[in-house]
Amino acid sequence: MKFSEEYTDIWQVYNRGEFIVITTNGFVKKNGEAVMGAGIALQAKNRFPGIAFAIGQGIAYWGNVPLVNVKYRIFTLPTKKTWTENADLKLIEDGLEILTRMVTELQLEKIYLPKPGCGNGKLNWETQVKPLCEKLLDSRFVICIPQIIQSFGIRATT
């Protein structure tokens, strides 16, 4: 069975004790922190002091690949090489493959993520990213669609 989509706020899911994915880029500042200046990455940075440095150190050591911080119950999924670029479909594809293996290794039953590359990354969900997700993600993965969209009766197309 393929992934599912759920109208929910990813932080509500996190507050229930679930693992989540935040989308990131591979740029590390001179102070060792990952650039986390927008979207869900900025929200995570604001919630968890020190996470930008931890992710930055992971990127510096491992490269621009998915990382996991079990303490925070957060995986990263790179969608860009640098914060100034649009999202890169090949980077997302490679990341989803690695993320799937990581989730299997950790024996997680569910993991929640935003539509990768579709916010600040400017990719189209229906035509570009959803087909990748359908190919690579199974029923353990839930794509979170913010509730505000549902409350106005609007379906996000990005």
Protein backbone atom coordinates (compact mmCIF):
# COMPACT_ATOMS: atom_id res chain seq x y z
CA MET A 1 0.00 0.00 0.00
CA LYS A 2 1.25 3.48 -0.80
CA PHE A 3 1.62 6.47 1.49
CA SER A 4 -1.42 8.37 2.71
CA GLU A 5 -2.31 12.03 2.98
CA GLU A 6 -3.82 13.51 6.13
CA TYR A 7 -5.22 16.95 6.89
CA THR A 8 -3.25 17.75 10.01
CA ASP A 9 -0.61 20.05 11.38
CA ILE A 10 2.74 18.27 11.54
CA TRP A 11 3.45 19.78 14.96
CA GLN A 12 0.21 18.36 16.38
CA VAL A 13 1.39 14.96 15.17
CA TYR A 14 4.79 15.59 16.74
CA ASN A 15 3.15 16.54 20.04
CA ARG A 16 1.43 13.13 20.02
CA GLY A 17 4.88 11.53 20.15
CA GLU A 18 5.35 10.67 16.48
CA PHE A 19 8.49 10.96 14.38
CA ILE A 20 8.39 13.67 11.74
CA VAL A 21 10.44 14.78 8.76
CA ILE A 22 11.60 18.33 8.22
CA THR A 23 12.83 19.44 4.83
CA THR A 24 16.27 21.02 4.72
CA ASN A 25 19.07 22.17 2.47
CA GLY A 26 22.78 21.38 2.54
CA PHE A 27 24.17 24.79 3.42
CA VAL A 28 26.13 25.13 6.67
CA LYS A 29 26.98 28.60 8.00
CA LYS A 30 30.43 29.57 9.29
CA ASN A 31 29.19 29.11 12.86
CA GLY A 32 28.40 25.46 12.12
CA GLU A 33 24.62 25.83 12.00
CA ALA A 34 22.51 24.57 9.13
CA VAL A 35 20.58 27.28 7.35
CA MET A 36 17.00 26.85 8.59
CA GLY A 37 15.45 30.15 7.61
CA ALA A 38 12.00 29.28 6.27
CA GLY A 39 9.17 26.80 6.33
CA ILE A 40 9.15 23.75 8.56
CA ALA A 41 12.92 23.99 9.09
CA LEU A 42 12.53 27.44 10.66
CA GLN A 43 9.67 26.17 12.79
CA ALA A 44 11.89 23.34 14.06
CA LYS A 45 14.76 25.75 14.73
CA ASN A 46 12.43 27.97 16.77
CA ARG A 47 11.08 25.01 18.76
CA PHE A 48 14.36 23.29 19.51
CA PRO A 49 17.33 25.46 20.50
CA GLY A 50 20.51 23.87 19.23
CA ILE A 51 18.93 21.79 16.48
CA ALA A 52 20.37 24.02 13.73
CA PHE A 53 23.86 23.34 15.05
CA ALA A 54 23.20 19.59 15.40
CA ILE A 55 21.91 19.38 11.83
CA GLY A 56 24.76 21.56 10.59
CA GLN A 57 27.28 19.20 12.16
CA GLY A 58 25.52 16.23 10.60
CA ILE A 59 25.62 17.85 7.16
CA ALA A 60 29.29 18.78 7.61
CA TYR A 61 30.15 15.18 8.49
CA TRP A 62 27.76 13.08 6.35
CA GLY A 63 26.88 15.48 3.55
CA ASN A 64 23.50 16.63 2.28
CA VAL A 65 21.68 13.39 3.05
CA PRO A 66 18.78 12.47 5.34
CA LEU A 67 19.74 12.53 9.00
CA VAL A 68 17.90 11.40 12.10
CA ASN A 69 17.93 12.87 15.58
CA VAL A 70 16.22 10.30 17.78
CA LYS A 71 16.24 12.66 20.77
CA TYR A 72 14.02 15.11 18.88
CA ARG A 73 12.18 12.37 16.86
CA ILE A 74 13.10 14.27 13.70
CA PHE A 75 14.45 13.14 10.37
CA THR A 76 15.78 15.61 7.85
CA LEU A 77 15.08 15.31 4.15
CA PRO A 78 17.24 17.47 1.91
CA THR A 79 15.29 19.10 -0.88
CA LYS A 80 17.87 21.70 -1.98
CA LYS A 81 21.63 22.03 -2.18
CA THR A 82 21.51 25.60 -0.88
CA TRP A 83 18.73 27.73 0.52
CA THR A 84 18.83 30.05 -2.51
CA GLU A 85 17.87 27.35 -5.02
CA ASN A 86 14.59 25.72 -5.89
CA ALA A 87 14.14 22.13 -4.81
CA ASP A 88 15.96 19.38 -6.71
CA LEU A 89 13.84 16.35 -7.70
CA LYS A 90 16.86 14.01 -7.90
CA LEU A 91 17.99 15.05 -4.42
CA ILE A 92 14.47 14.39 -3.11
CA GLU A 93 14.31 11.00 -4.84
CA ASP A 94 17.67 9.93 -3.43
CA GLY A 95 16.65 11.23 -0.01
CA LEU A 96 13.33 9.38 0.00
CA GLU A 97 15.14 6.13 -0.83
CA ILE A 98 17.54 6.63 2.09
CA LEU A 99 14.74 7.79 4.39
CA THR A 100 12.76 4.61 3.63
CA ARG A 101 15.76 2.46 4.59
CA MET A 102 16.28 4.47 7.79
CA VAL A 103 12.63 4.07 8.82
CA THR A 104 12.91 0.33 8.20
CA GLU A 105 16.12 0.10 10.22
CA LEU A 106 14.53 1.93 13.15
CA GLN A 107 11.40 -0.24 12.81
CA LEU A 108 9.04 2.73 12.82
CA GLU A 109 5.39 2.10 12.05
CA LYS A 110 4.50 5.68 11.05
CA ILE A 111 6.36 8.79 10.03
CA TYR A 112 4.88 12.13 9.03
CA LEU A 113 6.26 14.58 6.51
CA PRO A 114 5.30 17.69 4.57
CA LYS A 115 5.09 17.69 0.79
CA PRO A 116 8.84 17.72 0.10
CA GLY A 117 10.03 20.56 -2.09
CA CYS A 118 6.56 22.00 -2.61
CA GLY A 119 6.67 25.06 -0.38
CA ASN A 120 9.78 27.17 -0.60
CA GLY A 121 11.21 24.66 -3.08
CA LYS A 122 8.58 25.65 -5.65
CA LEU A 123 7.90 22.14 -7.00
CA ASN A 124 4.40 21.03 -7.98
CA TRP A 125 2.95 18.32 -5.76
CA GLU A 126 0.64 16.65 -8.28
CA THR A 127 2.91 16.57 -11.31
CA GLN A 128 6.43 16.41 -9.87
CA VAL A 129 6.62 15.21 -6.28
CA LYS A 130 3.58 13.00 -5.72
CA PRO A 131 4.65 10.56 -8.48
CA LEU A 132 8.02 10.15 -6.70
CA CYS A 133 6.27 9.55 -3.39
CA GLU A 134 3.94 7.02 -4.98
CA LYS A 135 6.96 5.17 -6.35
CA LEU A 136 9.07 5.22 -3.18
CA LEU A 137 6.91 5.55 -0.07
CA ASP A 138 4.77 2.88 1.54
CA SER A 139 1.95 2.90 4.08
CA ARG A 140 4.27 3.90 6.93
CA PHE A 141 4.52 7.40 5.44
CA VAL A 142 1.88 10.08 5.92
CA ILE A 143 1.99 13.36 4.03
CA CYS A 144 0.67 16.16 6.24
CA ILE A 145 -1.56 18.76 4.64
CA PRO A 146 -2.09 21.77 6.93
CA GLN A 147 -5.61 21.93 8.38
CA ILE A 148 -6.02 25.57 7.39
CA ILE A 149 -6.24 24.44 3.78
CA GLN A 150 -9.05 22.04 4.60
CA SER A 151 -10.98 24.58 6.66
CA PHE A 152 -11.30 26.85 3.62
CA GLY A 153 -12.26 23.97 1.34
CA ILE A 154 -9.12 24.48 -0.73
CA ARG A 155 -6.83 21.74 -1.94
CA ALA A 156 -3.20 22.76 -2.20
CA THR A 157 -1.76 22.09 -5.65
CA THR A 158 1.83 22.91 -4.86
